[in-house]
Amino acid sequence: MKINITKRERILIIFSVFFGIIIGGVFFYSPGTPGEQTESLVNNEIIWTCSMHPQIRMTEAGQCPICGMDLIPVSESSPTDPDRPTENAVKLSPEALSLADIHTTVVKRGIPENTISLQGKVKADERRIAQLTSRFGGRIEKLLVNYTGQLVQKGTVLGKIYSPELITAQRELLEAIPYKTTNTAFYQAARTKLKLWNLSDQQIDAIENQSELQLYFDILSPISGTVTKRHVAVGDYVSEGSPLFEVIDLSHVWVMFEAYEQDLPWIKVGDLITFNIQSLPGNSFKGHVRYIDPFINPQTRVASVRVELDNSNKQLKPEMYSTGVLESKAADDNNSLLIPKSAILWTGKRAVVYVKEPDQTPAVFLYREIVLGPEAGNFFIVKSGLEEGEIIAFYGVFKIDAAAQLAGLPSMMNPDGQKNRIKRDHSISPESGQLMSLPLHKPEDGLHHTTFKVAGNCSMCKKRIETAVLSLDGVNSADWSTTSKMIQISYNSEKVSLKKIHKTIATAGHDTELESAPQAVYDSLPQCCLYRE
């Protein structure tokens, strides 16, 4: 289709193009030659970084030496730029501060408190366990208690025994009776011999009064309680020292809780523990800590904490599971610097916070490494690195750290900042079609990193697994996920082997990809931690 353009329209088009050229020259003209403009761009240093690995800092464009992604430019401020942040600091405008939703708090002193969750079991009071053994050889003629679980009172006859040795000892006593006044020592020796064989004074008096030999003797219960073991049957021959019965008094029981190493500084004798028994829902119990085991179990890495409880109604039975809560204050430190957990960026090797400079607009945050004390609930005790009254970020801290990494400033994963910048080696021939990049420095820590699967269920498993790994010399960090069941570990291969790490986790009761936990250790885990079907 042919379009007809009039002479007037051609004039208007030519005039519009000419007018546009003039306007463009006025508004977009840049003085200087092309060579001068290029030199100006070179003088303004451009740093290239990786969006996935901000610690990579290069002076030229290319690809990330870690993941291969294209680098993106990050313009660095000139040293004369008045808006350049001070050393080791990140400067954020009010708009950036609001967009990142960063909140701050003042470092204060306070009384550190902690709430500790404990798992345990009901156990028999070891001081109320009686083991009945045979004091002399003989034959079991009769059993009055013939099944376990039977309740008995102190002095109850459990059975009868025939013993030739006792018959001989009775004859000696009967022969010594005429010398009761003239040879008292001889008489007392005969009685004492029977007493040492666990005969009561009443039994010995009965022998004297009847002046007859007793062929069968009663086996008496030394305490009131429950018969938990029966080692003999009618007709069995027993020798001196052979076990007969075990009787336990369950009117008073222990509740043995397991405390991890990191919780022990918060537990003191006399602390109150509130706990529930899983098989007795709706009932709450309370008891004071009476004893703390001085030894750590080498397999489970826990220490036993004992609570004593009255059980007159026999409601509590040994091996019942219990879940307790202990609220405690630090015994040796009642006025400590406390900061929220969320304020800390922790690599396992160092703890980092960002301190806000007061009365600065825009806001300035300083990178600061600190030394932490024990965990106190939602807070950490600060041993050094901060002063009371300083202002720190406690929400949005990771965003500040990310800004520091992108700006080449000291950050959590790159404490030396611009010192770790990677320069390119141009000595490689570009015939391959791409320019290769090589790091000119070694890794800062020389650690190896590994990830593998570890069997487990809950947060207790996470604590047990990570505690076991971190107890090894040479392990820098350990993080086990309750959802993926994968553990990430950083370690020094010169100090500890990967095989030993697997073995240590298995010894604590958890199967790994290379090692299986011993069955006895697995069976001792709390019910919620049993992962084998």
Protein backbone atom coordinates (compact mmCIF):
# COMPACT_ATOMS: atom_id res chain seq x y z
CA MET A 1 0.00 0.00 0.00
CA LYS A 2 1.54 3.31 -1.04
CA ILE A 3 1.54 6.19 1.43
CA ASN A 4 1.32 9.71 -0.02
CA ILE A 5 3.27 12.36 1.90
CA THR A 6 2.60 15.96 1.06
CA LYS A 7 5.27 18.59 0.72
CA ARG A 8 4.13 20.27 3.91
CA GLU A 9 4.47 17.01 5.88
CA ARG A 10 8.05 16.49 4.57
CA ILE A 11 9.03 19.97 5.80
CA LEU A 12 7.58 19.28 9.28
CA ILE A 13 9.52 15.97 9.57
CA ILE A 14 12.86 17.56 8.57
CA PHE A 15 12.29 20.44 11.00
CA SER A 16 11.48 18.03 13.89
CA VAL A 17 14.68 15.97 13.34
CA PHE A 18 16.84 19.09 13.20
CA PHE A 19 15.22 20.55 16.35
CA GLY A 20 15.77 17.24 18.23
CA ILE A 21 19.49 17.24 17.38
CA ILE A 22 19.88 20.76 18.74
CA ILE A 23 18.01 19.99 21.99
CA GLY A 24 20.06 16.78 22.52
CA GLY A 25 23.28 18.71 22.12
CA VAL A 26 22.24 21.25 24.72
CA PHE A 27 21.10 18.81 27.45
CA PHE A 28 23.35 15.78 26.93
CA TYR A 29 26.63 17.36 25.84
CA SER A 30 29.63 16.16 27.88
CA PRO A 31 32.88 18.13 27.63
CA GLY A 32 36.18 16.41 26.97
CA THR A 33 37.36 13.94 24.42
CA PRO A 34 36.42 10.28 24.42
CA GLY A 35 39.89 9.49 25.71
CA GLU A 36 39.41 11.89 28.62
CA GLN A 37 36.03 10.31 29.50
CA THR A 38 37.58 6.82 29.49
CA GLU A 39 40.41 7.97 31.77
CA SER A 40 37.84 9.46 34.15
CA LEU A 41 36.03 6.10 34.44
CA VAL A 42 39.30 4.26 35.11
CA ASN A 43 40.25 6.65 37.92
CA ASN A 44 36.97 5.87 39.72
CA GLU A 45 37.82 2.36 41.02
CA ILE A 46 35.11 -0.24 40.48
CA ILE A 47 35.09 -3.37 42.59
CA TRP A 48 33.38 -6.51 41.35
CA THR A 49 31.69 -8.98 43.69
CA CYS A 50 29.48 -12.09 43.58
CA SER A 51 25.86 -11.78 44.63
CA MET A 52 26.07 -15.25 46.24
CA HIS A 53 29.53 -14.83 47.79
CA PRO A 54 29.98 -11.17 48.82
CA GLN A 55 33.39 -11.95 50.33
CA ILE A 56 34.77 -12.17 46.77
CA ARG A 57 36.28 -8.76 45.89
CA MET A 58 37.92 -8.35 42.48
CA THR A 59 39.28 -5.43 40.56
CA GLU A 60 37.96 -6.60 37.17
CA ALA A 61 34.81 -8.14 35.75
CA GLY A 62 34.60 -11.88 35.28
CA GLN A 63 33.19 -14.93 37.02
CA CYS A 64 33.07 -15.92 40.68
CA PRO A 65 35.90 -18.41 41.44
CA ILE A 66 33.56 -20.25 43.82
CA CYS A 67 30.26 -20.68 41.96
CA GLY A 68 31.05 -19.39 38.46
CA MET A 69 28.35 -16.69 38.43
CA ASP A 70 29.01 -13.40 36.65
CA LEU A 71 30.38 -10.73 38.98
CA ILE A 72 28.44 -7.52 39.56
CA PRO A 73 30.03 -4.07 40.04
CA VAL A 74 30.16 -2.36 43.42
CA SER A 75 31.34 1.25 43.26
CA GLU A 76 33.54 2.20 46.20
CA SER A 77 33.48 5.70 47.54
CA SER A 78 36.50 7.89 47.10
CA PRO A 79 38.55 8.55 50.25
CA THR A 80 37.54 12.18 49.97
CA ASP A 81 33.86 11.35 49.82
CA PRO A 82 32.27 12.87 52.93
CA ASP A 83 29.63 10.10 52.95
CA ARG A 84 32.23 7.28 53.13
CA PRO A 85 31.72 5.19 56.32
CA THR A 86 34.43 5.23 58.91
CA GLU A 87 36.74 2.22 59.20
CA ASN A 88 35.01 -1.03 60.27
CA ALA A 89 31.60 0.67 60.08
CA VAL A 90 28.44 0.59 57.97
CA LYS A 91 26.53 3.81 57.32
CA LEU A 92 22.79 3.56 56.62
CA SER A 93 20.47 6.37 55.62
CA PRO A 94 17.17 6.80 57.48
CA GLU A 95 15.36 5.33 54.46
CA ALA A 96 17.65 2.27 54.39
CA LEU A 97 17.33 1.88 58.16
CA SER A 98 13.54 1.85 57.89
CA LEU A 99 13.48 -0.44 54.88
CA ALA A 100 15.76 -3.00 56.60
CA ASP A 101 13.58 -2.83 59.74
CA ILE A 102 16.60 -2.60 62.06
CA HIS A 103 16.00 -2.24 65.80
CA THR A 104 18.49 -1.39 68.51
CA THR A 105 18.76 -1.83 72.27
CA VAL A 106 20.95 -0.53 75.07
CA VAL A 107 23.42 -2.91 76.72
CA LYS A 108 22.43 -3.25 80.38
CA ARG A 109 23.46 -5.13 83.45
CA GLY A 110 21.08 -7.56 85.10
CA ILE A 111 20.67 -10.79 86.99
CA PRO A 112 21.12 -13.64 84.52
CA GLU A 113 18.29 -16.16 84.67
CA ASN A 114 17.75 -19.32 82.72
CA THR A 115 14.97 -21.86 82.27
CA ILE A 116 16.29 -25.38 81.78
CA SER A 117 14.21 -28.25 80.46
CA LEU A 118 15.16 -31.64 81.88
CA GLN A 119 14.24 -35.21 81.06
CA GLY A 120 14.39 -37.96 83.68
CA LYS A 121 13.10 -41.20 85.13
CA VAL A 122 11.75 -42.34 88.47
CA LYS A 123 14.27 -44.56 90.28
CA ALA A 124 14.22 -46.53 93.50
CA ASP A 125 15.97 -44.94 96.48
CA GLU A 126 19.27 -46.82 96.61
CA ARG A 127 19.39 -46.40 100.39
CA ARG A 128 16.17 -48.41 100.70
CA ILE A 129 17.25 -51.52 98.80
CA ALA A 130 17.91 -54.69 100.80
CA GLN A 131 19.68 -57.72 99.33
CA LEU A 132 19.06 -60.89 101.33
CA THR A 133 21.89 -63.38 101.08
CA SER A 134 22.40 -66.70 102.79
CA ARG A 135 24.57 -66.42 105.90
CA PHE A 136 25.07 -70.21 105.98
CA GLY A 137 24.72 -73.14 103.64
CA GLY A 138 21.56 -75.22 103.51
CA ARG A 139 18.43 -76.29 101.63
CA ILE A 140 15.30 -74.19 100.97
CA GLU A 141 12.47 -76.17 102.54
CA LYS A 142 9.60 -73.73 102.16
CA LEU A 143 8.84 -70.34 100.53
CA LEU A 144 6.13 -68.09 101.92
CA VAL A 145 6.90 -65.42 99.31
CA ASN A 146 7.03 -67.06 95.91
CA TYR A 147 6.54 -64.25 93.38
CA THR A 148 8.01 -60.81 92.74
CA GLY A 149 5.97 -57.72 93.47
CA GLN A 150 4.64 -59.08 96.74
CA LEU A 151 4.45 -56.55 99.59
CA VAL A 152 6.11 -57.56 102.86
CA GLN A 153 6.62 -55.94 106.24
CA LYS A 154 9.81 -55.82 108.24
CA GLY A 155 10.24 -59.20 110.01
CA THR A 156 7.92 -61.04 107.63
CA VAL A 157 8.95 -64.68 107.13
CA LEU A 158 9.97 -65.08 103.49
CA GLY A 159 10.88 -68.77 103.69
CA LYS A 160 12.42 -71.60 105.77
CA ILE A 161 15.85 -73.19 105.42
CA TYR A 162 17.41 -76.39 106.72
CA SER A 163 21.11 -76.11 107.61
CA PRO A 164 23.36 -78.75 109.20
CA GLU A 165 25.73 -75.97 110.26
CA LEU A 166 22.96 -74.30 112.26
CA ILE A 167 22.13 -77.56 113.99
CA THR A 168 25.76 -77.88 115.10
CA ALA A 169 25.75 -74.28 116.34
CA GLN A 170 22.55 -74.95 118.34
CA ARG A 171 24.16 -77.93 120.07
CA GLU A 172 27.06 -75.70 121.07
CA LEU A 173 24.62 -73.18 122.56
CA LEU A 174 22.70 -75.83 124.49
CA GLU A 175 25.96 -77.23 125.85
CA ALA A 176 27.06 -73.72 126.92
CA ILE A 177 23.85 -72.95 128.88
CA PRO A 178 25.02 -74.75 132.10
CA TYR A 179 28.11 -72.51 132.06
CA LYS A 180 26.05 -69.34 131.71
CA THR A 181 27.19 -68.05 135.12
CA THR A 182 30.49 -69.83 135.63
CA ASN A 183 31.92 -69.35 132.11
CA THR A 184 30.11 -66.37 130.67
CA ALA A 185 32.57 -65.90 127.80
CA PHE A 186 31.95 -69.43 126.53
CA TYR A 187 28.19 -68.89 126.67
CA GLN A 188 28.32 -65.50 124.94
CA ALA A 189 30.54 -66.89 122.18
CA ALA A 190 27.91 -69.53 121.37
CA ARG A 191 25.14 -66.86 121.16
CA THR A 192 27.31 -64.53 119.10
CA LYS A 193 27.98 -67.25 116.55
CA LEU A 194 24.23 -67.58 115.92
CA LYS A 195 23.80 -63.79 115.76
CA LEU A 196 26.47 -63.56 113.08
CA TRP A 197 24.38 -65.98 111.07
CA ASN A 198 21.54 -63.46 111.17
CA LEU A 199 19.43 -65.10 113.86
CA SER A 200 17.52 -62.63 116.00
CA ASP A 201 17.65 -62.53 119.80
CA GLN A 202 14.08 -63.88 119.90
CA GLN A 203 15.07 -66.90 117.81
CA ILE A 204 18.10 -67.59 120.01
CA ASP A 205 16.02 -67.21 123.21
CA ALA A 206 13.47 -69.67 121.81
CA ILE A 207 16.23 -72.24 121.31
CA GLU A 208 17.39 -71.78 124.91
CA ASN A 209 13.90 -71.93 126.40
CA GLN A 210 12.82 -75.00 124.48
CA SER A 211 16.16 -76.77 124.99
CA GLU A 212 15.49 -78.47 121.68
CA LEU A 213 17.18 -78.30 118.32
CA GLN A 214 15.29 -76.44 115.60
CA LEU A 215 15.67 -78.12 112.21
CA TYR A 216 14.26 -75.24 110.11
CA PHE A 217 14.98 -71.53 110.45
CA ASP A 218 12.99 -68.56 109.16
CA ILE A 219 14.32 -66.16 106.51
CA LEU A 220 13.10 -62.74 107.69
CA SER A 221 12.66 -59.55 105.66
CA PRO A 222 14.97 -56.82 106.99
CA ILE A 223 12.75 -53.95 105.74
CA SER A 224 9.19 -53.23 104.67
CA GLY A 225 8.78 -53.03 100.93
CA THR A 226 8.25 -54.87 97.67
CA VAL A 227 9.94 -58.11 96.69
CA THR A 228 11.57 -57.28 93.36
CA LYS A 229 13.74 -60.37 92.88
CA ARG A 230 13.48 -64.01 93.96
CA HIS A 231 16.63 -66.03 93.31
CA VAL A 232 15.63 -69.37 94.89
CA ALA A 233 12.93 -72.03 94.69
CA VAL A 234 11.84 -74.77 97.07
CA GLY A 235 14.46 -77.52 97.23
CA ASP A 236 17.38 -75.34 96.10
CA TYR A 237 20.66 -75.82 97.91
CA VAL A 238 22.39 -72.56 98.74
CA SER A 239 25.86 -71.82 99.99
CA GLU A 240 27.05 -69.02 102.22
CA GLY A 241 26.70 -65.69 100.41
CA SER A 242 24.17 -66.91 97.80
CA PRO A 243 21.47 -64.31 96.92
CA LEU A 244 17.97 -65.15 98.12
CA PHE A 245 15.69 -62.10 97.75
CA GLU A 246 15.78 -58.40 96.91
CA VAL A 247 13.34 -56.12 98.75
CA ILE A 248 12.91 -52.41 97.92
CA ASP A 249 11.07 -49.83 99.99
CA LEU A 250 9.20 -47.65 97.47
CA SER A 251 7.66 -45.29 100.02
CA HIS A 252 10.43 -42.86 99.09
CA VAL A 253 11.80 -42.59 95.52
CA TRP A 254 14.31 -40.61 93.47
CA VAL A 255 13.66 -38.78 90.21
CA MET A 256 16.92 -38.76 88.24
CA PHE A 257 17.13 -35.97 85.62
CA GLU A 258 19.78 -35.69 82.91
CA ALA A 259 21.55 -32.33 82.59
CA TYR A 260 23.81 -31.43 79.67
CA GLU A 261 27.24 -29.95 80.25
CA GLN A 262 26.23 -26.44 79.22
CA ASP A 263 23.33 -26.50 81.70
CA LEU A 264 25.37 -27.52 84.75
CA PRO A 265 26.58 -23.97 85.62
CA TRP A 266 22.93 -23.05 86.19
CA ILE A 267 22.04 -25.96 88.49
CA LYS A 268 22.72 -25.82 92.22
CA VAL A 269 21.81 -28.02 95.15
CA GLY A 270 18.54 -26.67 96.57
CA ASP A 271 17.10 -25.43 93.26
CA LEU A 272 13.41 -26.17 92.77
CA ILE A 273 12.35 -28.39 89.86
CA THR A 274 8.72 -28.54 88.76
CA PHE A 275 8.01 -31.70 86.80
CA ASN A 276 5.30 -33.90 85.36
CA ILE A 277 5.08 -37.67 85.04
CA GLN A 278 3.99 -38.77 81.57
CA SER A 279 1.90 -41.66 82.89
CA LEU A 280 0.15 -39.41 85.43
CA PRO A 281 -1.24 -36.55 83.31
CA GLY A 282 -2.76 -33.62 85.14
CA ASN A 283 -0.52 -34.07 88.19
CA SER A 284 2.33 -31.69 88.90
CA PHE A 285 5.19 -32.48 91.26
CA LYS A 286 7.86 -30.34 92.87
CA GLY A 287 11.16 -31.22 94.44
CA HIS A 288 14.51 -29.69 95.34
CA VAL A 289 17.84 -30.75 93.88
CA ARG A 290 19.56 -32.90 96.49
CA TYR A 291 22.53 -34.18 94.54
CA ILE A 292 24.46 -33.41 91.33
CA ASP A 293 26.61 -36.16 89.87
CA PRO A 294 30.30 -35.11 89.94
CA PHE A 295 30.99 -37.16 86.79
CA ILE A 296 29.88 -36.72 83.17
CA ASN A 297 28.68 -39.81 81.37
CA PRO A 298 31.29 -40.30 78.60
CA GLN A 299 28.70 -41.71 76.19
CA THR A 300 25.69 -39.44 76.63
CA ARG A 301 27.66 -36.36 77.87
CA VAL A 302 25.16 -35.69 80.66
CA ALA A 303 25.29 -35.59 84.45
CA SER A 304 22.56 -36.91 86.74
CA VAL A 305 20.57 -34.49 88.92
CA ARG A 306 18.63 -36.08 91.76
CA VAL A 307 15.32 -35.04 93.28
CA GLU A 308 13.95 -36.96 96.29
CA LEU A 309 10.21 -37.45 96.62
CA ASP A 310 7.79 -38.98 99.13
CA ASN A 311 5.80 -41.86 97.62
CA SER A 312 3.68 -43.07 100.51
CA ASN A 313 0.73 -43.76 98.21
CA LYS A 314 2.93 -45.83 95.85
CA GLN A 315 1.74 -43.65 92.96
CA LEU A 316 5.21 -43.33 91.43
CA LYS A 317 6.81 -46.43 90.01
CA PRO A 318 10.45 -46.90 88.95
CA GLU A 319 11.27 -46.20 85.28
CA MET A 320 8.35 -43.79 84.78
CA TYR A 321 9.34 -40.94 82.44
CA SER A 322 9.41 -37.39 83.76
CA THR A 323 9.71 -33.94 82.18
CA GLY A 324 10.91 -31.10 84.40
CA VAL A 325 11.63 -27.38 84.31
CA LEU A 326 14.23 -25.65 86.47
CA GLU A 327 14.39 -21.86 86.73
CA SER A 328 17.74 -20.75 88.07
CA LYS A 329 20.02 -17.79 88.51
CA ALA A 330 23.75 -17.92 87.93
CA ALA A 331 25.46 -18.84 91.18
CA ASP A 332 28.70 -16.94 90.62
CA ASP A 333 27.53 -13.86 88.73
CA ASN A 334 24.56 -11.74 89.79
CA ASN A 335 25.28 -8.52 87.90
CA SER A 336 26.31 -9.27 84.34
CA LEU A 337 26.14 -7.56 80.96
CA LEU A 338 23.24 -9.13 79.06
CA ILE A 339 22.45 -8.89 75.35
CA PRO A 340 19.67 -10.61 73.33
CA LYS A 341 20.53 -13.75 71.40
CA SER A 342 19.26 -12.15 68.19
CA ALA A 343 21.95 -9.46 68.45
CA ILE A 344 24.75 -11.99 67.94
CA LEU A 345 26.17 -13.33 64.70
CA TRP A 346 28.06 -16.43 65.76
CA THR A 347 30.31 -18.50 63.50
CA GLY A 348 31.28 -20.90 66.27
CA LYS A 349 34.76 -19.38 66.26
CA ARG A 350 33.85 -15.79 67.02
CA ALA A 351 30.80 -13.81 68.10
CA VAL A 352 30.03 -10.52 66.33
CA VAL A 353 27.70 -7.63 67.13
CA TYR A 354 27.12 -4.26 65.47
CA VAL A 355 27.39 -1.26 67.76
CA LYS A 356 25.51 1.91 66.79
CA GLU A 357 27.33 5.20 67.14
CA PRO A 358 25.16 7.62 69.15
CA ASP A 359 23.85 10.88 67.65
CA GLN A 360 24.92 10.04 64.09
CA THR A 361 22.81 10.80 61.02
CA PRO A 362 22.83 8.72 58.89
CA ALA A 363 23.16 5.82 61.32
CA VAL A 364 26.65 4.32 61.71
CA PHE A 365 27.16 0.72 62.89
CA LEU A 366 30.57 -0.53 64.00
CA TYR A 367 31.70 -4.14 63.61
CA ARG A 368 32.70 -5.55 67.03
CA GLU A 369 33.95 -9.00 68.09
CA ILE A 370 32.98 -9.98 71.66
CA VAL A 371 33.56 -12.85 74.10
CA LEU A 372 30.40 -14.57 75.34
CA GLY A 373 29.68 -16.25 78.65
CA PRO A 374 26.93 -18.80 79.31
CA GLU A 375 23.51 -18.69 77.72
CA ALA A 376 20.83 -17.13 79.93
CA GLY A 377 17.41 -17.88 78.49
CA ASN A 378 16.86 -15.45 75.60
CA PHE A 379 20.08 -13.64 76.47
CA PHE A 380 23.82 -14.22 76.56
CA ILE A 381 26.23 -13.02 79.23
CA VAL A 382 29.00 -10.85 77.75
CA LYS A 383 32.44 -11.43 79.25
CA SER A 384 34.28 -8.76 77.25
CA GLY A 385 33.94 -6.56 74.16
CA LEU A 386 31.01 -4.38 75.22
CA GLU A 387 30.37 -1.72 77.83
CA GLU A 388 27.21 -0.87 79.71
CA GLY A 389 25.21 1.83 77.94
CA GLU A 390 26.39 1.05 74.40
CA ILE A 391 23.73 0.65 71.72
CA ILE A 392 23.65 -2.51 69.60
CA ALA A 393 21.40 -3.80 66.82
CA PHE A 394 19.31 -6.79 67.90
CA TYR A 395 16.92 -7.11 64.95
CA GLY A 396 18.02 -7.04 61.32
CA VAL A 397 21.67 -7.65 62.25
CA PHE A 398 22.24 -9.96 59.32
CA LYS A 399 21.16 -7.19 56.92
CA ILE A 400 23.81 -4.88 58.38
CA ASP A 401 26.41 -7.61 58.01
CA ALA A 402 25.37 -8.21 54.39
CA ALA A 403 25.79 -4.50 53.65
CA ALA A 404 29.27 -4.66 55.24
CA GLN A 405 30.24 -7.62 53.04
CA LEU A 406 29.05 -5.89 49.87
CA ALA A 407 30.98 -2.76 50.83
CA GLY A 408 34.18 -4.73 51.50
CA LEU A 409 34.13 -3.86 55.21
CA PRO A 410 34.89 -6.29 58.05
CA SER A 411 31.98 -8.69 58.51
CA MET A 412 31.10 -11.97 60.17
CA MET A 413 32.58 -14.21 57.46
CA ASN A 414 35.23 -11.75 56.32
CA PRO A 415 36.74 -10.10 59.44
CA ASP A 416 39.63 -8.54 57.49
CA GLY A 417 37.37 -6.72 55.03
CA GLN A 418 39.19 -5.40 51.95
CA LYS A 419 42.37 -7.29 52.89
CA ASN A 420 40.77 -10.42 51.40
CA ARG A 421 40.21 -8.85 48.00
CA ILE A 422 41.18 -11.25 45.20
CA LYS A 423 43.23 -9.89 42.29
CA ARG A 424 43.45 -11.54 38.91
CA ASP A 425 46.42 -13.32 37.40
CA HIS A 426 46.74 -11.93 33.87
CA SER A 427 49.68 -14.17 32.99
CA ILE A 428 47.31 -16.86 31.69
CA SER A 429 46.79 -16.75 27.94
CA PRO A 430 43.24 -15.80 26.93
CA GLU A 431 43.30 -18.23 23.98
CA SER A 432 40.74 -20.39 25.74
CA GLY A 433 38.19 -17.63 25.30
CA GLN A 434 37.86 -16.68 28.96
CA LEU A 435 40.02 -15.00 31.56
CA MET A 436 40.78 -17.28 34.53
CA SER A 437 40.81 -15.98 38.12
CA LEU A 438 42.95 -17.44 40.87
CA PRO A 439 42.89 -16.49 44.58
CA LEU A 440 46.29 -15.28 45.71
CA HIS A 441 45.77 -16.14 49.39
CA LYS A 442 45.06 -19.26 51.42
CA PRO A 443 41.81 -19.77 53.39
CA GLU A 444 41.85 -17.95 56.69
CA ASP A 445 41.13 -20.92 58.95
CA GLY A 446 42.15 -23.97 56.88
CA LEU A 447 39.03 -25.85 58.00
CA HIS A 448 37.38 -28.72 56.19
CA HIS A 449 33.60 -28.77 55.82
CA THR A 450 31.43 -31.85 55.61
CA THR A 451 27.73 -32.74 55.63
CA PHE A 452 26.23 -36.14 56.32
CA LYS A 453 23.08 -37.73 57.72
CA VAL A 454 22.61 -38.49 61.45
CA ALA A 455 19.52 -40.27 62.79
CA GLY A 456 17.48 -38.47 65.46
CA ASN A 457 14.10 -36.94 66.24
CA CYS A 458 13.90 -33.89 68.48
CA SER A 459 15.68 -30.89 69.98
CA MET A 460 17.13 -33.14 72.68
CA CYS A 461 18.75 -35.19 69.92
CA LYS A 462 20.11 -31.99 68.35
CA LYS A 463 21.66 -30.94 71.66
CA ARG A 464 23.14 -34.38 72.28
CA ILE A 465 24.60 -34.74 68.75
CA GLU A 466 26.11 -31.25 68.59
CA THR A 467 27.51 -31.52 72.13
CA ALA A 468 29.20 -34.82 71.28
CA VAL A 469 30.80 -33.41 68.11
CA LEU A 470 31.94 -30.15 69.71
CA SER A 471 33.64 -32.10 72.52
CA LEU A 472 36.28 -33.26 70.01
CA ASP A 473 39.47 -31.24 69.77
CA GLY A 474 39.69 -29.80 66.27
CA VAL A 475 35.94 -29.39 65.59
CA ASN A 476 35.08 -25.76 64.97
CA SER A 477 31.30 -25.87 64.51
CA ALA A 478 28.43 -28.34 64.26
CA ASP A 479 24.80 -27.80 63.25
CA TRP A 480 22.26 -30.67 63.01
CA SER A 481 18.83 -30.10 61.46
CA THR A 482 15.80 -31.79 63.05
CA THR A 483 13.97 -31.67 59.69
CA SER A 484 16.57 -32.81 57.14
CA LYS A 485 18.53 -34.95 59.67
CA MET A 486 21.74 -33.56 58.12
CA ILE A 487 24.67 -32.23 60.14
CA GLN A 488 27.11 -29.60 58.91
CA ILE A 489 30.55 -29.71 60.50
CA SER A 490 33.70 -27.59 60.18
CA TYR A 491 36.82 -29.29 61.46
CA ASN A 492 40.63 -29.35 61.31
CA SER A 493 41.67 -32.62 59.66
CA GLU A 494 45.11 -32.42 61.28
CA LYS A 495 43.55 -32.71 64.76
CA VAL A 496 40.52 -34.95 64.21
CA SER A 497 39.50 -37.41 61.52
CA LEU A 498 36.08 -37.70 59.91
CA LYS A 499 35.94 -41.34 61.02
CA LYS A 500 36.38 -40.29 64.66
CA ILE A 501 33.56 -37.75 64.29
CA HIS A 502 31.23 -40.48 63.03
CA LYS A 503 32.34 -42.79 65.86
CA THR A 504 31.74 -40.13 68.53
CA ILE A 505 28.21 -39.43 67.30
CA ALA A 506 27.41 -43.15 67.27
CA THR A 507 28.82 -43.54 70.79
CA ALA A 508 26.37 -40.85 71.95
CA GLY A 509 23.49 -43.03 70.68
CA HIS A 510 22.82 -41.84 67.10
CA ASP A 511 23.38 -43.76 63.86
CA THR A 512 25.40 -42.06 61.12
CA GLU A 513 26.06 -42.98 57.50
CA LEU A 514 29.20 -44.88 58.58
CA GLU A 515 28.60 -45.96 62.19
CA SER A 516 25.73 -47.50 64.18
CA ALA A 517 25.07 -46.67 67.81
CA PRO A 518 25.50 -49.50 70.36
CA GLN A 519 22.13 -51.02 71.21
CA ALA A 520 22.64 -50.54 74.96
CA VAL A 521 23.33 -46.82 74.49
CA TYR A 522 20.35 -46.44 72.14
CA ASP A 523 18.03 -48.16 74.63
CA SER A 524 19.07 -45.68 77.34
CA LEU A 525 17.90 -42.67 75.29
CA PRO A 526 14.68 -40.87 76.34
CA GLN A 527 11.50 -42.16 74.68
CA CYS A 528 11.19 -39.13 72.43
CA CYS A 529 14.68 -39.74 71.03
CA LEU A 530 14.13 -43.37 69.93
CA TYR A 531 14.35 -43.18 66.14
CA ARG A 532 14.63 -46.88 65.23
CA GLU A 533 11.34 -48.50 64.28
